[in-house]
């Protein structure tokens, strides 16, 4: 920002980059500065409807969920979320038919509902995946570090944020944090954020992410590896001990 640029001018300059629209066959797609858990932007579609305008998410929430193999979960979650926002849920889209003067409100409602549906489904997927790895991890740590490990514990990071972690083990006078991580992006991002905060401590603990399969993480593996050792749940005891040292 130049010295001569006012706050108002700055706001006017950046606003167009936050919201954009494209027009296709009589419909308009508005890309909003709201993101799904995957990082993609929420988009709403405006099209003609009897007596007004249809505002919908054009099935983007459904496609987000389907990409994680959970398309069947859309209907149940979409119905309850749609009731919260007083909008409608179809088989694969969330929408509202409104008069022209209510379009702005409907855009806010549809975008918020679309994002919340995806968040709810992803939280459930993430929870189920984490629980599976977490249960297996507990058995391994009980065996490898008997009487020296606490489960479902908390630890403060450099930002003073208190992080929930799967387990904390005391190893050779030091501390190791073990976190069960599923293959889903929400789980990876949450664990990565915690690991980076813990790594910034003056005396950071050993940080260990435990996954079912490194291969299943795909492009998320480098992200998770930036601040923690990544091991697979079924690796040898010695791998756990080295990761914790």
Protein backbone atom coordinates (compact mmCIF):
# COMPACT_ATOMS: atom_id res chain seq x y z
CA UNK A 1 0.00 0.00 0.00
CA UNK A 2 1.43 3.35 -0.99
CA UNK A 3 1.56 6.20 1.53
CA UNK A 4 -1.09 8.05 -0.45
CA UNK A 5 -3.54 5.10 -0.53
CA UNK A 6 -6.33 5.45 2.01
CA UNK A 7 -8.01 2.57 3.83
CA UNK A 8 -11.07 3.11 1.66
CA UNK A 9 -8.98 2.89 -1.50
CA UNK A 10 -7.28 -0.24 -0.22
CA UNK A 11 -10.66 -1.85 0.48
CA UNK A 12 -11.85 -0.93 -3.00
CA UNK A 13 -8.72 -2.41 -4.55
CA UNK A 14 -8.78 -5.79 -2.79
CA UNK A 15 -12.53 -6.44 -2.78
CA UNK A 16 -12.80 -7.50 -6.45
CA UNK A 17 -10.19 -10.20 -5.85
CA UNK A 18 -12.21 -11.67 -2.98
CA UNK A 19 -15.40 -12.22 -4.94
CA UNK A 20 -15.64 -13.12 -8.62
CA UNK A 21 -18.38 -14.28 -10.97
CA UNK A 22 -18.65 -16.12 -14.26
CA UNK A 23 -21.71 -16.42 -16.46
CA UNK A 24 -22.72 -19.61 -18.26
CA UNK A 25 -25.86 -20.23 -20.32
CA UNK A 26 -28.04 -17.77 -18.44
CA UNK A 27 -26.75 -18.69 -14.98
CA UNK A 28 -24.17 -16.88 -12.89
CA UNK A 29 -21.64 -18.58 -10.61
CA UNK A 30 -20.33 -16.45 -7.73
CA UNK A 31 -17.05 -17.56 -6.12
CA UNK A 32 -16.92 -16.47 -2.48
CA UNK A 33 -14.05 -15.96 0.00
CA UNK A 34 -15.31 -18.98 1.96
CA UNK A 35 -13.54 -22.33 1.76
CA UNK A 36 -14.46 -25.97 2.19
CA UNK A 37 -12.20 -28.17 4.37
CA UNK A 38 -10.34 -29.21 1.19
CA UNK A 39 -9.32 -25.59 0.56
CA UNK A 40 -11.52 -25.06 -2.51
CA UNK A 41 -13.78 -22.01 -2.57
CA UNK A 42 -17.52 -22.14 -1.97
CA UNK A 43 -19.50 -21.21 -5.08
CA UNK A 44 -23.18 -20.34 -5.43
CA UNK A 45 -25.20 -20.31 -8.63
CA UNK A 46 -27.94 -17.86 -9.57
CA UNK A 47 -30.51 -19.02 -12.11
CA UNK A 48 -34.11 -18.23 -13.03
CA UNK A 49 -36.97 -19.68 -11.01
CA UNK A 50 -40.73 -19.24 -11.17
CA UNK A 51 -41.45 -15.86 -9.60
CA UNK A 52 -37.87 -15.12 -8.70
CA UNK A 53 -34.30 -16.42 -8.55
CA UNK A 54 -32.93 -19.83 -7.55
CA UNK A 55 -29.80 -19.58 -5.42
CA UNK A 56 -28.01 -22.91 -5.09
CA UNK A 57 -24.62 -24.38 -4.34
CA UNK A 58 -24.83 -26.15 -7.73
CA UNK A 59 -23.94 -29.47 -6.13
CA UNK A 60 -20.46 -28.37 -5.06
CA UNK A 61 -20.93 -29.60 -1.46
CA UNK A 62 -22.05 -32.98 -2.77
CA UNK A 63 -19.01 -33.23 -5.05
CA UNK A 64 -16.67 -32.30 -2.18
CA UNK A 65 -18.14 -35.09 -0.07
CA UNK A 66 -18.24 -37.56 -2.95
CA UNK A 67 -14.52 -37.01 -3.60
CA UNK A 68 -13.90 -38.63 -0.20
CA UNK A 69 -16.18 -41.56 -0.97
CA UNK A 70 -18.95 -40.32 1.33
CA UNK A 71 -21.58 -39.20 -1.19
CA UNK A 72 -24.28 -41.25 0.55
CA UNK A 73 -23.88 -39.10 3.66
CA UNK A 74 -24.94 -35.93 1.85
CA UNK A 75 -28.71 -36.36 2.08
CA UNK A 76 -28.94 -36.87 5.83
CA UNK A 77 -26.60 -34.02 6.77
CA UNK A 78 -27.93 -31.66 4.09
CA UNK A 79 -31.50 -32.03 5.34
CA UNK A 80 -30.68 -31.07 8.93
CA UNK A 81 -28.43 -28.17 7.89
CA UNK A 82 -31.01 -26.87 5.39
CA UNK A 83 -33.60 -26.72 8.18
CA UNK A 84 -31.19 -24.62 10.26
CA UNK A 85 -30.89 -22.02 7.48
CA UNK A 86 -34.51 -22.27 6.28
CA UNK A 87 -33.45 -23.39 2.80
CA UNK A 88 -34.06 -26.55 0.77
CA UNK A 89 -31.97 -29.70 0.28
CA UNK A 90 -32.28 -31.71 -2.92
CA UNK A 91 -30.63 -35.02 -3.78
CA UNK A 92 -27.33 -33.35 -4.59
CA UNK A 93 -27.72 -29.62 -3.98
CA UNK A 94 -28.78 -27.03 -1.42
CA UNK A 95 -30.97 -24.25 -2.77
CA UNK A 96 -33.57 -21.55 -2.14
CA UNK A 97 -36.05 -19.92 -4.51
CA UNK A 98 -36.37 -16.27 -3.50
CA UNK A 99 -37.63 -12.93 -4.86
CA UNK A 100 -34.94 -10.68 -6.29
CA UNK A 101 -34.74 -8.47 -3.21
CA UNK A 102 -33.78 -11.51 -1.08
CA UNK A 103 -30.97 -12.78 -3.30
CA UNK A 104 -28.17 -11.31 -1.20
CA UNK A 105 -29.45 -12.94 1.99
CA UNK A 106 -29.94 -16.24 0.16
CA UNK A 107 -26.33 -16.17 -1.08
CA UNK A 108 -25.10 -15.92 2.50
CA UNK A 109 -27.44 -18.67 3.69
CA UNK A 110 -26.68 -21.10 0.88
CA UNK A 111 -22.92 -20.62 1.06
CA UNK A 112 -22.92 -21.09 4.86
CA UNK A 113 -25.16 -24.17 4.64
CA UNK A 114 -23.08 -25.71 1.85
CA UNK A 115 -19.87 -25.30 3.83
CA UNK A 116 -21.41 -26.62 7.05
CA UNK A 117 -22.69 -29.79 5.35
CA UNK A 118 -19.20 -30.61 4.11
CA UNK A 119 -17.67 -29.82 7.50
CA UNK A 120 -20.10 -32.13 9.30
CA UNK A 121 -19.50 -35.05 6.95
CA UNK A 122 -15.74 -34.54 7.00
CA UNK A 123 -15.70 -34.32 10.80
CA UNK A 124 -17.52 -37.65 10.96
CA UNK A 125 -15.18 -39.28 8.45
CA UNK A 126 -12.18 -37.83 10.22
CA UNK A 127 -13.42 -38.99 13.63
CA UNK A 128 -14.07 -42.53 12.42
CA UNK A 129 -10.65 -42.74 10.77
CA UNK A 130 -8.82 -41.28 13.76
CA UNK A 131 -10.58 -43.62 16.19
CA UNK A 132 -9.49 -46.66 14.20
CA UNK A 133 -5.82 -45.62 14.20
CA UNK A 134 -6.03 -44.32 17.78
CA UNK A 135 -7.30 -47.63 19.16
CA UNK A 136 -4.50 -49.56 17.47
CA UNK A 137 -1.94 -46.97 18.59
CA UNK A 138 -3.00 -47.30 22.21
CA UNK A 139 -2.34 -51.03 22.12
CA UNK A 140 1.11 -50.49 20.61
CA UNK A 141 2.18 -47.81 23.08
CA UNK A 142 0.92 -49.80 26.07
CA UNK A 143 3.21 -52.58 24.93
CA UNK A 144 6.25 -50.48 23.96
CA UNK A 145 6.21 -47.91 26.80
CA UNK A 146 4.43 -49.65 29.68
CA UNK A 147 3.60 -47.35 32.62
CA UNK A 148 5.26 -44.42 30.82
CA UNK A 149 2.45 -43.22 28.58
CA UNK A 150 -0.75 -41.21 29.10
CA UNK A 151 -3.62 -41.23 26.61
CA UNK A 152 -6.06 -38.57 25.38
CA UNK A 153 -3.78 -35.98 26.95
CA UNK A 154 -3.26 -32.24 26.43
CA UNK A 155 -0.12 -30.17 25.85
CA UNK A 156 0.50 -26.44 25.38
CA UNK A 157 2.19 -25.20 22.21
CA UNK A 158 4.38 -22.12 21.72
CA UNK A 159 1.24 -20.07 21.02
CA UNK A 160 -0.19 -21.12 24.42
CA UNK A 161 -2.86 -23.11 22.55
CA UNK A 162 -3.75 -26.30 24.39
CA UNK A 163 -3.67 -29.23 21.97
CA UNK A 164 -5.49 -32.53 22.40
CA UNK A 165 -3.13 -35.36 21.49
CA UNK A 166 -3.54 -39.11 21.28
CA UNK A 167 -0.72 -39.91 23.70
CA UNK A 168 2.29 -38.51 25.53
CA UNK A 169 5.14 -40.87 26.43
CA UNK A 170 8.09 -40.26 28.74
CA UNK A 171 11.13 -41.74 27.08
CA UNK A 172 14.70 -41.59 28.44
CA UNK A 173 14.17 -38.36 30.32
CA UNK A 174 12.40 -36.73 27.37
CA UNK A 175 8.83 -36.46 26.14
CA UNK A 176 7.31 -37.78 22.93
CA UNK A 177 3.91 -36.77 21.53
CA UNK A 178 2.10 -39.38 19.46
CA UNK A 179 -0.84 -38.30 17.30
CA UNK A 180 -3.10 -40.70 15.39
CA UNK A 181 -3.79 -39.23 11.95
CA UNK A 182 -6.23 -40.50 9.34
CA UNK A 183 -5.78 -40.11 5.58
CA UNK A 184 -8.33 -37.31 5.32
CA UNK A 185 -7.19 -33.68 4.84
CA UNK A 186 -9.00 -32.38 7.92
CA UNK A 187 -7.06 -34.78 10.14
CA UNK A 188 -3.76 -34.00 8.41
CA UNK A 189 -4.21 -30.22 8.64
CA UNK A 190 -5.23 -30.37 12.30
CA UNK A 191 -2.25 -32.54 13.23
CA UNK A 192 0.16 -30.42 11.17
CA UNK A 193 -0.98 -27.22 12.86
CA UNK A 194 -0.48 -28.75 16.30
CA UNK A 195 2.93 -30.17 15.38
CA UNK A 196 4.22 -26.83 14.08
CA UNK A 197 3.08 -25.08 17.25
CA UNK A 198 4.70 -27.71 19.46
CA UNK A 199 7.89 -27.67 17.38
CA UNK A 200 8.23 -23.94 18.12
CA UNK A 201 8.58 -24.56 21.85
CA UNK A 202 11.95 -23.75 23.43
CA UNK A 203 12.33 -27.43 24.28
CA UNK A 204 10.03 -29.23 21.86
CA UNK A 205 9.00 -32.83 22.48
CA UNK A 206 9.62 -35.56 19.93
CA UNK A 207 6.68 -35.37 17.53
CA UNK A 208 5.33 -38.54 15.97
CA UNK A 209 2.40 -38.86 13.56
CA UNK A 210 1.04 -42.40 13.35
CA UNK A 211 -0.92 -43.35 10.23
CA UNK A 212 -2.44 -46.50 8.82
CA UNK A 213 -0.53 -46.12 5.54
CA UNK A 214 1.86 -43.47 4.24
CA UNK A 215 0.85 -44.34 0.69
CA UNK A 216 -2.80 -43.53 1.43
CA UNK A 217 -1.82 -39.99 2.48
CA UNK A 218 -0.71 -39.17 -1.05
CA UNK A 219 0.25 -35.51 -1.45
CA UNK A 220 -0.58 -34.87 2.23
CA UNK A 221 2.45 -36.85 3.40
CA UNK A 222 5.03 -34.06 2.79
CA UNK A 223 2.84 -31.62 4.70
CA UNK A 224 2.61 -33.94 7.69
CA UNK A 225 6.34 -34.71 7.53
CA UNK A 226 7.38 -31.05 7.82
CA UNK A 227 7.15 -30.97 11.61
CA UNK A 228 6.91 -34.60 12.72
CA UNK A 229 8.20 -38.10 12.13
CA UNK A 230 5.57 -40.11 10.28
CA UNK A 231 5.38 -43.83 11.00
CA UNK A 232 2.86 -46.53 10.14
CA UNK A 233 0.82 -48.21 12.85
CA UNK A 234 2.13 -51.71 12.11
CA UNK A 235 5.84 -50.88 12.01
CA UNK A 236 8.28 -52.57 14.39
CA UNK A 237 8.66 -51.55 18.03
CA UNK A 238 12.15 -50.24 17.30
CA UNK A 239 10.71 -47.73 14.80
CA UNK A 240 8.47 -46.34 17.55
CA UNK A 241 11.39 -46.12 19.98
CA UNK A 242 13.62 -44.30 17.46
CA UNK A 243 10.82 -41.89 16.56
CA UNK A 244 10.31 -41.09 20.24
CA UNK A 245 13.99 -40.48 21.03
